[in-house]
PDB file of N, CA and C in Angstrom:
ATOM      1  N   MET A   1     108.420 123.496 101.484  1.00  0.00           N
ATOM      2  CA  MET A   1     107.221 124.142 101.011  1.00  0.00           C
ATOM      3  C   MET A   1     107.115 125.518 101.665  1.00  0.00           C
ATOM      4  N   LYS A   2     106.755 126.488 100.879  1.00  0.00           N
ATOM      5  CA  LYS A   2     106.673 127.851 101.381  1.00  0.00           C
ATOM      6  C   LYS A   2     105.246 128.166 101.809  1.00  0.00           C
ATOM      7  N   ILE A   3     105.138 129.012 102.799  1.00  0.00           N
ATOM      8  CA  ILE A   3     103.840 129.382 103.355  1.00  0.00           C
ATOM      9  C   ILE A   3     102.986 130.079 102.295  1.00  0.00           C
ATOM     10  N   LYS A   4     103.625 130.806 101.393  1.00  0.00           N
ATOM     11  CA  LYS A   4     102.910 131.489 100.311  1.00  0.00           C
ATOM     12  C   LYS A   4     102.177 130.479  99.432  1.00  0.00           C
ATOM     13  N   ASP A   5     102.848 129.380  99.127  1.00  0.00           N
ATOM     14  CA  ASP A   5     102.240 128.338  98.298  1.00  0.00           C
ATOM     15  C   ASP A   5     101.045 127.704  99.002  1.00  0.00           C
ATOM     16  N   ILE A   6     101.159 127.528 100.294  1.00  0.00           N
ATOM     17  CA  ILE A   6     100.074 126.923 101.065  1.00  0.00           C
ATOM     18  C   ILE A   6      98.873 127.856 101.109  1.00  0.00           C
ATOM     19  N   ARG A   7      99.121 129.142 101.272  1.00  0.00           N
ATOM     20  CA  ARG A   7      98.019 130.113 101.329  1.00  0.00           C
ATOM     21  C   ARG A   7      97.265 130.197  99.993  1.00  0.00           C
ATOM     22  N   GLU A   8      97.955 129.924  98.887  1.00  0.00           N
ATOM     23  CA  GLU A   8      97.330 129.992  97.568  1.00  0.00           C
ATOM     24  C   GLU A   8      96.472 128.767  97.258  1.00  0.00           C
ATOM     25  N   MET A   9      96.630 127.708  98.047  1.00  0.00           N
ATOM     26  CA  MET A   9      95.851 126.481  97.830  1.00  0.00           C
ATOM     27  C   MET A   9      94.419 126.668  98.322  1.00  0.00           C
ATOM     28  N   THR A  10      93.534 125.841  97.781  1.00  0.00           N
ATOM     29  CA  THR A  10      92.167 125.829  98.275  1.00  0.00           C
ATOM     30  C   THR A  10      92.115 124.959  99.532  1.00  0.00           C
ATOM     31  N   ALA A  11      91.045 125.073 100.281  1.00  0.00           N
ATOM     32  CA  ALA A  11      90.906 124.313 101.526  1.00  0.00           C
ATOM     33  C   ALA A  11      90.971 122.799 101.291  1.00  0.00           C
ATOM     34  N   PRO A  12      90.275 122.257 100.285  1.00  0.00           N
ATOM     35  CA  PRO A  12      90.385 120.808 100.052  1.00  0.00           C
ATOM     36  C   PRO A  12      91.798 120.359  99.674  1.00  0.00           C
ATOM     37  N   GLU A  13      92.511 121.195  98.921  1.00  0.00           N
ATOM     38  CA  GLU A  13      93.886 120.858  98.564  1.00  0.00           C
ATOM     39  C   GLU A  13      94.764 120.793  99.806  1.00  0.00           C
ATOM     40  N   ARG A  14      94.564 121.760 100.722  1.00  0.00           N
ATOM     41  CA  ARG A  14      95.333 121.772 101.967  1.00  0.00           C
ATOM     42  C   ARG A  14      95.050 120.527 102.796  1.00  0.00           C
ATOM     43  N   GLU A  15      93.788 120.162 102.880  1.00  0.00           N
ATOM     44  CA  GLU A  15      93.419 118.986 103.666  1.00  0.00           C
ATOM     45  C   GLU A  15      94.023 117.711 103.074  1.00  0.00           C
ATOM     46  N   THR A  16      93.999 117.601 101.760  1.00  0.00           N
ATOM     47  CA  THR A  16      94.587 116.438 101.094  1.00  0.00           C
ATOM     48  C   THR A  16      96.090 116.379 101.335  1.00  0.00           C
ATOM     49  N   LEU A  17      96.742 117.518 101.210  1.00  0.00           N
ATOM     50  CA  LEU A  17      98.183 117.582 101.453  1.00  0.00           C
ATOM     51  C   LEU A  17      98.502 117.243 102.909  1.00  0.00           C
ATOM     52  N   LEU A  18      97.684 117.703 103.826  1.00  0.00           N
ATOM     53  CA  LEU A  18      97.892 117.416 105.244  1.00  0.00           C
ATOM     54  C   LEU A  18      97.803 115.919 105.520  1.00  0.00           C
ATOM     55  N   VAL A  19      96.811 115.264 104.938  1.00  0.00           N
ATOM     56  CA  VAL A  19      96.664 113.816 105.110  1.00  0.00           C
ATOM     57  C   VAL A  19      97.877 113.086 104.537  1.00  0.00           C
ATOM     58  N   ASP A  20      98.318 113.502 103.359  1.00  0.00           N
ATOM     59  CA  ASP A  20      99.488 112.874 102.734  1.00  0.00           C
ATOM     60  C   ASP A  20     100.743 113.051 103.587  1.00  0.00           C
ATOM     61  N   LEU A  21     100.924 114.245 104.134  1.00  0.00           N
ATOM     62  CA  LEU A  21     102.100 114.491 104.963  1.00  0.00           C
ATOM     63  C   LEU A  21     102.062 113.700 106.268  1.00  0.00           C
ATOM     64  N   LYS A  22     100.877 113.552 106.834  1.00  0.00           N
ATOM     65  CA  LYS A  22     100.760 112.760 108.062  1.00  0.00           C
ATOM     66  C   LYS A  22     101.080 111.288 107.790  1.00  0.00           C
ATOM     67  N   LYS A  23     100.661 110.792 106.632  1.00  0.00           N
ATOM     68  CA  LYS A  23     101.000 109.418 106.256  1.00  0.00           C
ATOM     69  C   LYS A  23     102.510 109.282 106.072  1.00  0.00           C
ATOM     70  N   GLU A  24     103.102 110.275 105.422  1.00  0.00           N
ATOM     71  CA  GLU A  24     104.548 110.244 105.215  1.00  0.00           C
ATOM     72  C   GLU A  24     105.289 110.303 106.545  1.00  0.00           C
ATOM     73  N   LYS A  25     104.797 111.128 107.461  1.00  0.00           N
ATOM     74  CA  LYS A  25     105.422 111.223 108.787  1.00  0.00           C
ATOM     75  C   LYS A  25     105.380 109.877 109.498  1.00  0.00           C
ATOM     76  N   PHE A  26     104.253 109.199 109.397  1.00  0.00           N
ATOM     77  CA  PHE A  26     104.121 107.882 110.008  1.00  0.00           C
ATOM     78  C   PHE A  26     105.122 106.896 109.396  1.00  0.00           C
ATOM     79  N   ASN A  27     105.197 106.887 108.065  1.00  0.00           N
ATOM     80  CA  ASN A  27     106.120 105.989 107.376  1.00  0.00           C
ATOM     81  C   ASN A  27     107.575 106.293 107.729  1.00  0.00           C
ATOM     82  N   LEU A  28     107.899 107.574 107.852  1.00  0.00           N
ATOM     83  CA  LEU A  28     109.257 107.951 108.225  1.00  0.00           C
ATOM     84  C   LEU A  28     109.575 107.505 109.651  1.00  0.00           C
ATOM     85  N   ALA A  29     108.593 107.591 110.525  1.00  0.00           N
ATOM     86  CA  ALA A  29     108.804 107.142 111.904  1.00  0.00           C
ATOM     87  C   ALA A  29     109.070 105.642 111.949  1.00  0.00           C
ATOM     88  N   ILE A  30     108.330 104.892 111.155  1.00  0.00           N
ATOM     89  CA  ILE A  30     108.547 103.440 111.084  1.00  0.00           C
ATOM     90  C   ILE A  30     109.952 103.149 110.550  1.00  0.00           C
ATOM     91  N   GLN A  31     110.342 103.857 109.493  1.00  0.00           N
ATOM     92  CA  GLN A  31     111.668 103.656 108.917  1.00  0.00           C
ATOM     93  C   GLN A  31     112.757 104.009 109.931  1.00  0.00           C
ATOM     94  N   ALA A  32     112.542 105.055 110.696  1.00  0.00           N
ATOM     95  CA  ALA A  32     113.535 105.454 111.694  1.00  0.00           C
ATOM     96  C   ALA A  32     113.682 104.384 112.775  1.00  0.00           C
ATOM     97  N   LYS A  33     112.575 103.792 113.186  1.00  0.00           N
ATOM     98  CA  LYS A  33     112.616 102.764 114.222  1.00  0.00           C
ATOM     99  C   LYS A  33     113.295 101.489 113.742  1.00  0.00           C
ATOM    100  N   THR A  34     113.131 101.180 112.457  1.00  0.00           N
ATOM    101  CA  THR A  34     113.723  99.945 111.931  1.00  0.00           C
ATOM    102  C   THR A  34     115.123 100.167 111.366  1.00  0.00           C
ATOM    103  N   GLY A  35     115.602 101.415 111.391  1.00  0.00           N
ATOM    104  CA  GLY A  35     116.942 101.701 110.918  1.00  0.00           C
ATOM    105  C   GLY A  35     117.072 101.821 109.416  1.00  0.00           C
ATOM    106  N   GLN A  36     115.971 101.986 108.710  1.00  0.00           N
ATOM    107  CA  GLN A  36     115.988 102.075 107.249  1.00  0.00           C
ATOM    108  C   GLN A  36     115.979 103.509 106.729  1.00  0.00           C
ATOM    109  N   LEU A  37     115.863 104.469 107.627  1.00  0.00           N
ATOM    110  CA  LEU A  37     115.744 105.866 107.215  1.00  0.00           C
ATOM    111  C   LEU A  37     117.100 106.416 106.784  1.00  0.00           C
ATOM    112  N   GLU A  38     117.158 106.918 105.546  1.00  0.00           N
ATOM    113  CA  GLU A  38     118.415 107.450 105.021  1.00  0.00           C
ATOM    114  C   GLU A  38     118.503 108.960 105.190  1.00  0.00           C
ATOM    115  N   LYS A  39     117.424 109.650 104.928  1.00  0.00           N
ATOM    116  CA  LYS A  39     117.421 111.114 105.027  1.00  0.00           C
ATOM    117  C   LYS A  39     116.687 111.526 106.303  1.00  0.00           C
ATOM    118  N   THR A  40     117.428 111.661 107.370  1.00  0.00           N
ATOM    119  CA  THR A  40     116.817 111.972 108.659  1.00  0.00           C
ATOM    120  C   THR A  40     116.248 113.386 108.693  1.00  0.00           C
ATOM    121  N   ALA A  41     116.759 114.275 107.881  1.00  0.00           N
ATOM    122  CA  ALA A  41     116.273 115.652 107.853  1.00  0.00           C
ATOM    123  C   ALA A  41     114.847 115.727 107.313  1.00  0.00           C
ATOM    124  N   ARG A  42     114.438 114.723 106.574  1.00  0.00           N
ATOM    125  CA  ARG A  42     113.084 114.721 105.994  1.00  0.00           C
ATOM    126  C   ARG A  42     112.019 114.690 107.089  1.00  0.00           C
ATOM    127  N   VAL A  43     112.306 114.049 108.204  1.00  0.00           N
ATOM    128  CA  VAL A  43     111.350 113.985 109.314  1.00  0.00           C
ATOM    129  C   VAL A  43     111.050 115.399 109.811  1.00  0.00           C
ATOM    130  N   ARG A  44     112.095 116.172 110.013  1.00  0.00           N
ATOM    131  CA  ARG A  44     111.935 117.546 110.487  1.00  0.00           C
ATOM    132  C   ARG A  44     111.186 118.397 109.465  1.00  0.00           C
ATOM    133  N   GLN A  45     111.505 118.218 108.199  1.00  0.00           N
ATOM    134  CA  GLN A  45     110.865 118.989 107.136  1.00  0.00           C
ATOM    135  C   GLN A  45     109.365 118.682 107.064  1.00  0.00           C
ATOM    136  N   VAL A  46     109.008 117.418 107.176  1.00  0.00           N
ATOM    137  CA  VAL A  46     107.597 117.029 107.117  1.00  0.00           C
ATOM    138  C   VAL A  46     106.852 117.594 108.316  1.00  0.00           C
ATOM    139  N   ARG A  47     107.464 117.517 109.497  1.00  0.00           N
ATOM    140  CA  ARG A  47     106.834 118.069 110.697  1.00  0.00           C
ATOM    141  C   ARG A  47     106.558 119.556 110.540  1.00  0.00           C
ATOM    142  N   ARG A  48     107.519 120.263 109.991  1.00  0.00           N
ATOM    143  CA  ARG A  48     107.349 121.707 109.806  1.00  0.00           C
ATOM    144  C   ARG A  48     106.304 122.029 108.743  1.00  0.00           C
ATOM    145  N   ASP A  49     106.252 121.243 107.675  1.00  0.00           N
ATOM    146  CA  ASP A  49     105.228 121.445 106.648  1.00  0.00           C
ATOM    147  C   ASP A  49     103.835 121.220 107.227  1.00  0.00           C
ATOM    148  N   ILE A  50     103.696 120.209 108.065  1.00  0.00           N
ATOM    149  CA  ILE A  50     102.410 119.952 108.721  1.00  0.00           C
ATOM    150  C   ILE A  50     102.028 121.154 109.577  1.00  0.00           C
ATOM    151  N   ALA A  51     102.976 121.687 110.317  1.00  0.00           N
ATOM    152  CA  ALA A  51     102.711 122.847 111.170  1.00  0.00           C
ATOM    153  C   ALA A  51     102.305 124.063 110.344  1.00  0.00           C
ATOM    154  N   LYS A  52     102.955 124.262 109.206  1.00  0.00           N
ATOM    155  CA  LYS A  52     102.604 125.391 108.342  1.00  0.00           C
ATOM    156  C   LYS A  52     101.174 125.270 107.838  1.00  0.00           C
ATOM    157  N   ILE A  53     100.795 124.087 107.421  1.00  0.00           N
ATOM    158  CA  ILE A  53      99.437 123.872 106.908  1.00  0.00           C
ATOM    159  C   ILE A  53      98.424 124.095 108.018  1.00  0.00           C
ATOM    160  N   MET A  54      98.707 123.556 109.195  1.00  0.00           N
ATOM    161  CA  MET A  54      97.782 123.721 110.325  1.00  0.00           C
ATOM    162  C   MET A  54      97.642 125.205 110.692  1.00  0.00           C
ATOM    163  N   THR A  55      98.738 125.946 110.622  1.00  0.00           N
ATOM    164  CA  THR A  55      98.698 127.374 110.927  1.00  0.00           C
ATOM    165  C   THR A  55      97.821 128.122 109.945  1.00  0.00           C
ATOM    166  N   VAL A  56      97.986 127.849 108.669  1.00  0.00           N
ATOM    167  CA  VAL A  56      97.181 128.522 107.648  1.00  0.00           C
ATOM    168  C   VAL A  56      95.705 128.148 107.815  1.00  0.00           C
ATOM    169  N   MET A  57      95.430 126.887 108.119  1.00  0.00           N
ATOM    170  CA  MET A  57      94.042 126.462 108.319  1.00  0.00           C
ATOM    171  C   MET A  57      93.427 127.184 109.514  1.00  0.00           C
ATOM    172  N   THR A  58      94.195 127.359 110.575  1.00  0.00           N
ATOM    173  CA  THR A  58      93.708 128.075 111.751  1.00  0.00           C
ATOM    174  C   THR A  58      93.466 129.543 111.423  1.00  0.00           C
ATOM    175  N   GLU A  59      94.375 130.140 110.659  1.00  0.00           N
ATOM    176  CA  GLU A  59      94.212 131.536 110.261  1.00  0.00           C
ATOM    177  C   GLU A  59      92.945 131.739 109.442  1.00  0.00           C
ATOM    178  N   THR A  60      92.702 130.851 108.488  1.00  0.00           N
ATOM    179  CA  THR A  60      91.521 131.002 107.634  1.00  0.00           C
ATOM    180  C   THR A  60      90.245 130.775 108.434  1.00  0.00           C
ATOM    181  N   ASP A  61      90.276 129.840 109.384  1.00  0.00           N
ATOM    182  CA  ASP A  61      89.104 129.615 110.240  1.00  0.00           C
ATOM    183  C   ASP A  61      88.829 130.826 111.117  1.00  0.00           C
ATOM    184  N   ALA A  62      89.887 131.431 111.657  1.00  0.00           N
ATOM    185  CA  ALA A  62      89.727 132.614 112.492  1.00  0.00           C
ATOM    186  C   ALA A  62      89.201 133.796 111.683  1.00  0.00           C
ATOM    187  N   ALA A  63      89.713 133.934 110.469  1.00  0.00           N
ATOM    188  CA  ALA A  63      89.252 135.023 109.602  1.00  0.00           C
ATOM    189  C   ALA A  63      87.780 134.849 109.226  1.00  0.00           C
ATOM    190  N   ALA A  64      87.371 133.606 109.005  1.00  0.00           N
ATOM    191  CA  ALA A  64      85.974 133.336 108.667  1.00  0.00           C
ATOM    192  C   ALA A  64      85.067 133.618 109.861  1.00  0.00           C
ATOM    193  N   THR A  65      85.542 133.339 111.050  1.00  0.00           N
ATOM    194  CA  THR A  65      84.759 133.573 112.261  1.00  0.00           C
ATOM    195  C   THR A  65      84.583 135.056 112.506  1.00  0.00           C
ATOM    196  N   VAL A  66      85.615 135.839 112.268  1.00  0.00           N
ATOM    197  CA  VAL A  66      85.567 137.287 112.479  1.00  0.00           C
ATOM    198  C   VAL A  66      84.607 137.920 111.487  1.00  0.00           C
ATOM    199  N   GLU A  67      84.561 137.434 110.269  1.00  0.00           N
ATOM    200  CA  GLU A  67      83.692 137.996 109.238  1.00  0.00           C
ATOM    201  C   GLU A  67      82.218 137.758 109.525  1.00  0.00           C
ATOM    202  N   GLU A  68      81.918 136.698 110.242  1.00  0.00           N
ATOM    203  CA  GLU A  68      80.507 136.384 110.539  1.00  0.00           C
ATOM    204  C   GLU A  68      80.000 137.251 111.602  1.00  0.00           C
TER     205      GLU A  68
END
């Protein structure tokens, strides 16, 4: 997922995507522990997507604070 796409989303869309990614991260961790995980690179990708969303959310919160 590209940062540009995340910035174009609305705040509720970002929050929904963040919740979905956190659930996926949890499921991937369970699969990794039980030896069922086939695509190990997906764990890293999900972690980075979560970080991108959190960064954009922090940026928008900071921008809103400065405007007030």
